[in-house]
Each structure stands twice: as C-alpha cells, then as structure tokens.
Amino acid sequence: MQVIAQTILQIASDVLGAPLAEETVMTDVPEWDSLKTLQIVMALDEAGLSIPLERIAEVRGVPDLIRFAQQCHA
C-alpha cells in the first residue's frame, strides 16, 4: 500500500507544482481547488489508480486520495 501513497504524492505534486506530504490538505496549497482535484484524479487514473467518481467530491487532501485509492485497490 505504500506504493500507492508514493504514487499519489508524486502525481499530486506534479499536478500542483508543489511538494506535498501524506498529511497535506487542500487548504495547505493555495493552488489546489476542485479543478486541480479532477486533474489529479485523471492523472491517477492514467497511472492505473482509480478513485470512485462518487468519492471525488469528498476529497479534501492527500489522505483522502490515498484512502479512496487503497479502498478501490484492496
């Protein structure tokens, strides 16, 4: 499961153009808005990590991305 977290951190950091940690939330990164969340989710999907569509609106940060991806790939 650590591979999932590392992949998410790398992709989200690339999309946002900022270094992130596993505990980073949207309010920590001024550039992170709902559009950026969609871009992150699409990039994760291209990398083979899915986030259920019904969960996207619940994403508030890296912990949510990791949790939802782990649930989907458990």
PDB file of N, CA and C in Angstrom:
ATOM      1  N   MET A   1       0.814  -1.203   0.000  1.00  0.00           N
ATOM      2  CA  MET A   1       0.000   0.000   0.000  1.00  0.00           C
ATOM      3  C   MET A   1       0.856   1.267   0.000  1.00  0.00           C
ATOM      4  N   GLN A   2       2.094   1.177   0.472  1.00  0.00           N
ATOM      5  CA  GLN A   2       2.968   2.343   0.483  1.00  0.00           C
ATOM      6  C   GLN A   2       3.264   2.819  -0.936  1.00  0.00           C
ATOM      7  N   VAL A   3       3.271   1.893  -1.897  1.00  0.00           N
ATOM      8  CA  VAL A   3       3.497   2.267  -3.294  1.00  0.00           C
ATOM      9  C   VAL A   3       2.375   3.179  -3.778  1.00  0.00           C
ATOM     10  N   ILE A   4       1.143   2.887  -3.372  1.00  0.00           N
ATOM     11  CA  ILE A   4       0.003   3.728  -3.746  1.00  0.00           C
ATOM     12  C   ILE A   4       0.203   5.138  -3.203  1.00  0.00           C
ATOM     13  N   ALA A   5       0.579   5.251  -1.951  1.00  0.00           N
ATOM     14  CA  ALA A   5       0.783   6.569  -1.341  1.00  0.00           C
ATOM     15  C   ALA A   5       1.893   7.335  -2.052  1.00  0.00           C
ATOM     16  N   GLN A   6       2.993   6.669  -2.365  1.00  0.00           N
ATOM     17  CA  GLN A   6       4.102   7.331  -3.048  1.00  0.00           C
ATOM     18  C   GLN A   6       3.693   7.796  -4.440  1.00  0.00           C
ATOM     19  N   THR A   7       2.949   6.961  -5.149  1.00  0.00           N
ATOM     20  CA  THR A   7       2.485   7.320  -6.489  1.00  0.00           C
ATOM     21  C   THR A   7       1.556   8.523  -6.429  1.00  0.00           C
ATOM     22  N   ILE A   8       0.628   8.512  -5.482  1.00  0.00           N
ATOM     23  CA  ILE A   8      -0.307   9.630  -5.331  1.00  0.00           C
ATOM     24  C   ILE A   8       0.446  10.911  -4.991  1.00  0.00           C
ATOM     25  N   LEU A   9       1.384  10.839  -4.078  1.00  0.00           N
ATOM     26  CA  LEU A   9       2.168  12.027  -3.716  1.00  0.00           C
ATOM     27  C   LEU A   9       2.912  12.588  -4.922  1.00  0.00           C
ATOM     28  N   GLN A  10       3.522  11.716  -5.707  1.00  0.00           N
ATOM     29  CA  GLN A  10       4.278  12.174  -6.873  1.00  0.00           C
ATOM     30  C   GLN A  10       3.366  12.828  -7.902  1.00  0.00           C
ATOM     31  N   ILE A  11       2.250  12.169  -8.212  1.00  0.00           N
ATOM     32  CA  ILE A  11       1.327  12.700  -9.219  1.00  0.00           C
ATOM     33  C   ILE A  11       0.695  14.000  -8.744  1.00  0.00           C
ATOM     34  N   ALA A  12       0.220  14.030  -7.512  1.00  0.00           N
ATOM     35  CA  ALA A  12      -0.409  15.245  -6.992  1.00  0.00           C
ATOM     36  C   ALA A  12       0.597  16.394  -6.936  1.00  0.00           C
ATOM     37  N   SER A  13       1.821  16.107  -6.558  1.00  0.00           N
ATOM     38  CA  SER A  13       2.864  17.139  -6.533  1.00  0.00           C
ATOM     39  C   SER A  13       3.128  17.683  -7.930  1.00  0.00           C
ATOM     40  N   ASP A  14       3.163  16.785  -8.911  1.00  0.00           N
ATOM     41  CA  ASP A  14       3.386  17.213 -10.293  1.00  0.00           C
ATOM     42  C   ASP A  14       2.247  18.098 -10.789  1.00  0.00           C
ATOM     43  N   VAL A  15       1.013  17.690 -10.518  1.00  0.00           N
ATOM     44  CA  VAL A  15      -0.154  18.463 -10.971  1.00  0.00           C
ATOM     45  C   VAL A  15      -0.186  19.832 -10.304  1.00  0.00           C
ATOM     46  N   LEU A  16       0.106  19.868  -9.015  1.00  0.00           N
ATOM     47  CA  LEU A  16       0.016  21.118  -8.261  1.00  0.00           C
ATOM     48  C   LEU A  16       1.274  21.976  -8.356  1.00  0.00           C
ATOM     49  N   GLY A  17       2.364  21.364  -8.788  1.00  0.00           N
ATOM     50  CA  GLY A  17       3.613  22.108  -8.875  1.00  0.00           C
ATOM     51  C   GLY A  17       4.170  22.491  -7.524  1.00  0.00           C
ATOM     52  N   ALA A  18       3.902  21.651  -6.524  1.00  0.00           N
ATOM     53  CA  ALA A  18       4.367  21.929  -5.163  1.00  0.00           C
ATOM     54  C   ALA A  18       4.658  20.607  -4.460  1.00  0.00           C
ATOM     55  N   PRO A  19       5.654  20.587  -3.578  1.00  0.00           N
ATOM     56  CA  PRO A  19       5.908  19.368  -2.810  1.00  0.00           C
ATOM     57  C   PRO A  19       4.780  19.138  -1.807  1.00  0.00           C
ATOM     58  N   LEU A  20       4.397  17.878  -1.655  1.00  0.00           N
ATOM     59  CA  LEU A  20       3.316  17.519  -0.734  1.00  0.00           C
ATOM     60  C   LEU A  20       3.788  16.446   0.226  1.00  0.00           C
ATOM     61  N   ALA A  21       3.088  16.326   1.340  1.00  0.00           N
ATOM     62  CA  ALA A  21       3.314  15.257   2.309  1.00  0.00           C
ATOM     63  C   ALA A  21       2.019  14.461   2.428  1.00  0.00           C
ATOM     64  N   GLU A  22       2.091  13.310   3.060  1.00  0.00           N
ATOM     65  CA  GLU A  22       0.905  12.453   3.193  1.00  0.00           C
ATOM     66  C   GLU A  22      -0.219  13.124   3.963  1.00  0.00           C
ATOM     67  N   GLU A  23       0.089  14.132   4.765  1.00  0.00           N
ATOM     68  CA  GLU A  23      -0.952  14.796   5.559  1.00  0.00           C
ATOM     69  C   GLU A  23      -1.420  16.122   4.940  1.00  0.00           C
ATOM     70  N   THR A  24      -0.920  16.472   3.760  1.00  0.00           N
ATOM     71  CA  THR A  24      -1.295  17.736   3.117  1.00  0.00           C
ATOM     72  C   THR A  24      -2.775  17.747   2.744  1.00  0.00           C
ATOM     73  N   VAL A  25      -3.441  18.855   3.072  1.00  0.00           N
ATOM     74  CA  VAL A  25      -4.849  19.038   2.701  1.00  0.00           C
ATOM     75  C   VAL A  25      -4.956  20.233   1.750  1.00  0.00           C
ATOM     76  N   MET A  26      -6.106  20.345   1.106  1.00  0.00           N
ATOM     77  CA  MET A  26      -6.298  21.375   0.088  1.00  0.00           C
ATOM     78  C   MET A  26      -5.999  22.782   0.606  1.00  0.00           C
ATOM     79  N   THR A  27      -6.375  23.061   1.832  1.00  0.00           N
ATOM     80  CA  THR A  27      -6.178  24.411   2.371  1.00  0.00           C
ATOM     81  C   THR A  27      -4.701  24.749   2.593  1.00  0.00           C
ATOM     82  N   ASP A  28      -3.837  23.735   2.557  1.00  0.00           N
ATOM     83  CA  ASP A  28      -2.394  23.968   2.694  1.00  0.00           C
ATOM     84  C   ASP A  28      -1.761  24.476   1.399  1.00  0.00           C
ATOM     85  N   VAL A  29      -2.447  24.266   0.276  1.00  0.00           N
ATOM     86  CA  VAL A  29      -1.895  24.600  -1.042  1.00  0.00           C
ATOM     87  C   VAL A  29      -2.863  25.548  -1.749  1.00  0.00           C
ATOM     88  N   PRO A  30      -2.539  26.822  -1.829  1.00  0.00           N
ATOM     89  CA  PRO A  30      -3.473  27.802  -2.406  1.00  0.00           C
ATOM     90  C   PRO A  30      -3.948  27.454  -3.819  1.00  0.00           C
ATOM     91  N   GLU A  31      -3.104  26.800  -4.603  1.00  0.00           N
ATOM     92  CA  GLU A  31      -3.454  26.454  -5.978  1.00  0.00           C
ATOM     93  C   GLU A  31      -4.413  25.267  -6.076  1.00  0.00           C
ATOM     94  N   TRP A  32      -4.629  24.550  -4.976  1.00  0.00           N
ATOM     95  CA  TRP A  32      -5.419  23.321  -5.013  1.00  0.00           C
ATOM     96  C   TRP A  32      -6.890  23.660  -4.860  1.00  0.00           C
ATOM     97  N   ASP A  33      -7.605  23.550  -5.969  1.00  0.00           N
ATOM     98  CA  ASP A  33      -9.050  23.757  -5.975  1.00  0.00           C
ATOM     99  C   ASP A  33      -9.718  22.518  -6.570  1.00  0.00           C
ATOM    100  N   SER A  34     -11.019  22.580  -6.798  1.00  0.00           N
ATOM    101  CA  SER A  34     -11.744  21.408  -7.284  1.00  0.00           C
ATOM    102  C   SER A  34     -11.280  20.996  -8.678  1.00  0.00           C
ATOM    103  N   LEU A  35     -10.901  21.938  -9.517  1.00  0.00           N
ATOM    104  CA  LEU A  35     -10.398  21.602 -10.848  1.00  0.00           C
ATOM    105  C   LEU A  35      -9.083  20.843 -10.747  1.00  0.00           C
ATOM    106  N   LYS A  36      -8.214  21.280  -9.850  1.00  0.00           N
ATOM    107  CA  LYS A  36      -6.945  20.568  -9.643  1.00  0.00           C
ATOM    108  C   LYS A  36      -7.204  19.162  -9.111  1.00  0.00           C
ATOM    109  N   THR A  37      -8.220  19.015  -8.261  1.00  0.00           N
ATOM    110  CA  THR A  37      -8.566  17.678  -7.768  1.00  0.00           C
ATOM    111  C   THR A  37      -8.945  16.778  -8.933  1.00  0.00           C
ATOM    112  N   LEU A  38      -9.754  17.282  -9.854  1.00  0.00           N
ATOM    113  CA  LEU A  38     -10.131  16.493 -11.033  1.00  0.00           C
ATOM    114  C   LEU A  38      -8.908  16.151 -11.873  1.00  0.00           C
ATOM    115  N   GLN A  39      -7.994  17.085 -12.023  1.00  0.00           N
ATOM    116  CA  GLN A  39      -6.774  16.819 -12.782  1.00  0.00           C
ATOM    117  C   GLN A  39      -5.932  15.745 -12.104  1.00  0.00           C
ATOM    118  N   ILE A  40      -5.857  15.791 -10.788  1.00  0.00           N
ATOM    119  CA  ILE A  40      -5.119  14.767 -10.041  1.00  0.00           C
ATOM    120  C   ILE A  40      -5.776  13.410 -10.239  1.00  0.00           C
ATOM    121  N   VAL A  41      -7.091  13.345 -10.100  1.00  0.00           N
ATOM    122  CA  VAL A  41      -7.814  12.079 -10.244  1.00  0.00           C
ATOM    123  C   VAL A  41      -7.634  11.515 -11.653  1.00  0.00           C
ATOM    124  N   MET A  42      -7.679  12.365 -12.670  1.00  0.00           N
ATOM    125  CA  MET A  42      -7.482  11.895 -14.046  1.00  0.00           C
ATOM    126  C   MET A  42      -6.058  11.381 -14.247  1.00  0.00           C
ATOM    127  N   ALA A  43      -5.075  12.067 -13.677  1.00  0.00           N
ATOM    128  CA  ALA A  43      -3.689  11.617 -13.779  1.00  0.00           C
ATOM    129  C   ALA A  43      -3.489  10.297 -13.037  1.00  0.00           C
ATOM    130  N   LEU A  44      -4.141  10.142 -11.896  1.00  0.00           N
ATOM    131  CA  LEU A  44      -4.066   8.873 -11.163  1.00  0.00           C
ATOM    132  C   LEU A  44      -4.665   7.751 -11.992  1.00  0.00           C
ATOM    133  N   ASP A  45      -5.797   8.022 -12.632  1.00  0.00           N
ATOM    134  CA  ASP A  45      -6.448   7.017 -13.468  1.00  0.00           C
ATOM    135  C   ASP A  45      -5.527   6.588 -14.611  1.00  0.00           C
ATOM    136  N   GLU A  46      -4.845   7.538 -15.231  1.00  0.00           N
ATOM    137  CA  GLU A  46      -3.895   7.219 -16.299  1.00  0.00           C
ATOM    138  C   GLU A  46      -2.742   6.363 -15.784  1.00  0.00           C
ATOM    139  N   ALA A  47      -2.416   6.507 -14.509  1.00  0.00           N
ATOM    140  CA  ALA A  47      -1.344   5.721 -13.893  1.00  0.00           C
ATOM    141  C   ALA A  47      -1.845   4.383 -13.355  1.00  0.00           C
ATOM    142  N   GLY A  48      -3.152   4.114 -13.525  1.00  0.00           N
ATOM    143  CA  GLY A  48      -3.709   2.841 -13.082  1.00  0.00           C
ATOM    144  C   GLY A  48      -4.291   2.847 -11.686  1.00  0.00           C
ATOM    145  N   LEU A  49      -4.425   4.016 -11.084  1.00  0.00           N
ATOM    146  CA  LEU A  49      -5.029   4.126  -9.755  1.00  0.00           C
ATOM    147  C   LEU A  49      -6.384   4.806  -9.880  1.00  0.00           C
ATOM    148  N   SER A  50      -7.416   4.121  -9.467  1.00  0.00           N
ATOM    149  CA  SER A  50      -8.766   4.667  -9.596  1.00  0.00           C
ATOM    150  C   SER A  50      -9.268   5.238  -8.282  1.00  0.00           C
ATOM    151  N   ILE A  51     -10.028   6.318  -8.409  1.00  0.00           N
ATOM    152  CA  ILE A  51     -10.789   6.891  -7.302  1.00  0.00           C
ATOM    153  C   ILE A  51     -12.241   6.833  -7.765  1.00  0.00           C
ATOM    154  N   PRO A  52     -13.137   6.208  -7.008  1.00  0.00           N
ATOM    155  CA  PRO A  52     -14.537   6.145  -7.438  1.00  0.00           C
ATOM    156  C   PRO A  52     -15.114   7.543  -7.664  1.00  0.00           C
ATOM    157  N   LEU A  53     -15.855   7.698  -8.744  1.00  0.00           N
ATOM    158  CA  LEU A  53     -16.424   9.002  -9.095  1.00  0.00           C
ATOM    159  C   LEU A  53     -17.239   9.604  -7.963  1.00  0.00           C
ATOM    160  N   GLU A  54     -17.988   8.765  -7.260  1.00  0.00           N
ATOM    161  CA  GLU A  54     -18.838   9.275  -6.180  1.00  0.00           C
ATOM    162  C   GLU A  54     -18.021   9.789  -4.987  1.00  0.00           C
ATOM    163  N   ARG A  55     -16.734   9.500  -4.965  1.00  0.00           N
ATOM    164  CA  ARG A  55     -15.867   9.938  -3.861  1.00  0.00           C
ATOM    165  C   ARG A  55     -15.116  11.234  -4.159  1.00  0.00           C
ATOM    166  N   ILE A  56     -15.065  11.634  -5.431  1.00  0.00           N
ATOM    167  CA  ILE A  56     -14.255  12.795  -5.808  1.00  0.00           C
ATOM    168  C   ILE A  56     -14.661  14.046  -5.038  1.00  0.00           C
ATOM    169  N   ALA A  57     -15.951  14.263  -4.865  1.00  0.00           N
ATOM    170  CA  ALA A  57     -16.421  15.458  -4.150  1.00  0.00           C
ATOM    171  C   ALA A  57     -16.022  15.443  -2.676  1.00  0.00           C
ATOM    172  N   GLU A  58     -15.641  14.272  -2.158  1.00  0.00           N
ATOM    173  CA  GLU A  58     -15.252  14.146  -0.751  1.00  0.00           C
ATOM    174  C   GLU A  58     -13.764  14.389  -0.521  1.00  0.00           C
ATOM    175  N   VAL A  59     -12.994  14.499  -1.599  1.00  0.00           N
ATOM    176  CA  VAL A  59     -11.546  14.668  -1.470  1.00  0.00           C
ATOM    177  C   VAL A  59     -11.237  16.045  -0.889  1.00  0.00           C
ATOM    178  N   ARG A  60     -10.527  16.044   0.223  1.00  0.00           N
ATOM    179  CA  ARG A  60     -10.115  17.281   0.881  1.00  0.00           C
ATOM    180  C   ARG A  60      -8.601  17.371   1.033  1.00  0.00           C
ATOM    181  N   GLY A  61      -7.907  16.327   0.540  1.00  0.00           N
ATOM    182  CA  GLY A  61      -6.460  16.341   0.648  1.00  0.00           C
ATOM    183  C   GLY A  61      -5.852  15.002   0.290  1.00  0.00           C
ATOM    184  N   VAL A  62      -4.552  14.921   0.468  1.00  0.00           N
ATOM    185  CA  VAL A  62      -3.811  13.704   0.157  1.00  0.00           C
ATOM    186  C   VAL A  62      -4.322  12.506   0.957  1.00  0.00           C
ATOM    187  N   PRO A  63      -4.632  12.649   2.255  1.00  0.00           N
ATOM    188  CA  PRO A  63      -5.123  11.482   2.991  1.00  0.00           C
ATOM    189  C   PRO A  63      -6.371  10.856   2.350  1.00  0.00           C
ATOM    190  N   ASP A  64      -7.270  11.686   1.841  1.00  0.00           N
ATOM    191  CA  ASP A  64      -8.474  11.159   1.184  1.00  0.00           C
ATOM    192  C   ASP A  64      -8.113  10.444  -0.108  1.00  0.00           C
ATOM    193  N   LEU A  65      -7.225  11.029  -0.904  1.00  0.00           N
ATOM    194  CA  LEU A  65      -6.809  10.381  -2.147  1.00  0.00           C
ATOM    195  C   LEU A  65      -6.220   9.003  -1.860  1.00  0.00           C
ATOM    196  N   ILE A  66      -5.369   8.930  -0.856  1.00  0.00           N
ATOM    197  CA  ILE A  66      -4.738   7.657  -0.501  1.00  0.00           C
ATOM    198  C   ILE A  66      -5.786   6.664  -0.017  1.00  0.00           C
ATOM    199  N   ARG A  67      -6.651   7.090   0.882  1.00  0.00           N
ATOM    200  CA  ARG A  67      -7.667   6.190   1.438  1.00  0.00           C
ATOM    201  C   ARG A  67      -8.589   5.656   0.343  1.00  0.00           C
ATOM    202  N   PHE A  68      -9.101   6.531  -0.516  1.00  0.00           N
ATOM    203  CA  PHE A  68     -10.032   6.093  -1.554  1.00  0.00           C
ATOM    204  C   PHE A  68      -9.350   5.174  -2.563  1.00  0.00           C
ATOM    205  N   ALA A  69      -8.108   5.465  -2.918  1.00  0.00           N
ATOM    206  CA  ALA A  69      -7.377   4.597  -3.849  1.00  0.00           C
ATOM    207  C   ALA A  69      -7.107   3.235  -3.213  1.00  0.00           C
ATOM    208  N   GLN A  70      -6.730   3.219  -1.943  1.00  0.00           N
ATOM    209  CA  GLN A  70      -6.476   1.949  -1.263  1.00  0.00           C
ATOM    210  C   GLN A  70      -7.745   1.120  -1.154  1.00  0.00           C
ATOM    211  N   GLN A  71      -8.871   1.760  -0.872  1.00  0.00           N
ATOM    212  CA  GLN A  71     -10.143   1.035  -0.799  1.00  0.00           C
ATOM    213  C   GLN A  71     -10.496   0.428  -2.148  1.00  0.00           C
ATOM    214  N   CYS A  72     -10.219   1.158  -3.198  1.00  0.00           N
ATOM    215  CA  CYS A  72     -10.559   0.710  -4.544  1.00  0.00           C
ATOM    216  C   CYS A  72      -9.632  -0.414  -5.011  1.00  0.00           C
ATOM    217  N   HIS A  73      -8.411  -0.439  -4.505  1.00  0.00           N
ATOM    218  CA  HIS A  73      -7.415  -1.401  -4.962  1.00  0.00           C
ATOM    219  C   HIS A  73      -7.057  -2.430  -3.895  1.00  0.00           C
ATOM    220  N   ALA A  74      -7.914  -2.577  -2.898  1.00  0.00           N
ATOM    221  CA  ALA A  74      -7.645  -3.543  -1.816  1.00  0.00           C
ATOM    222  C   ALA A  74      -7.889  -4.963  -2.290  1.00  0.00           C
TER     223      ALA A  74
END
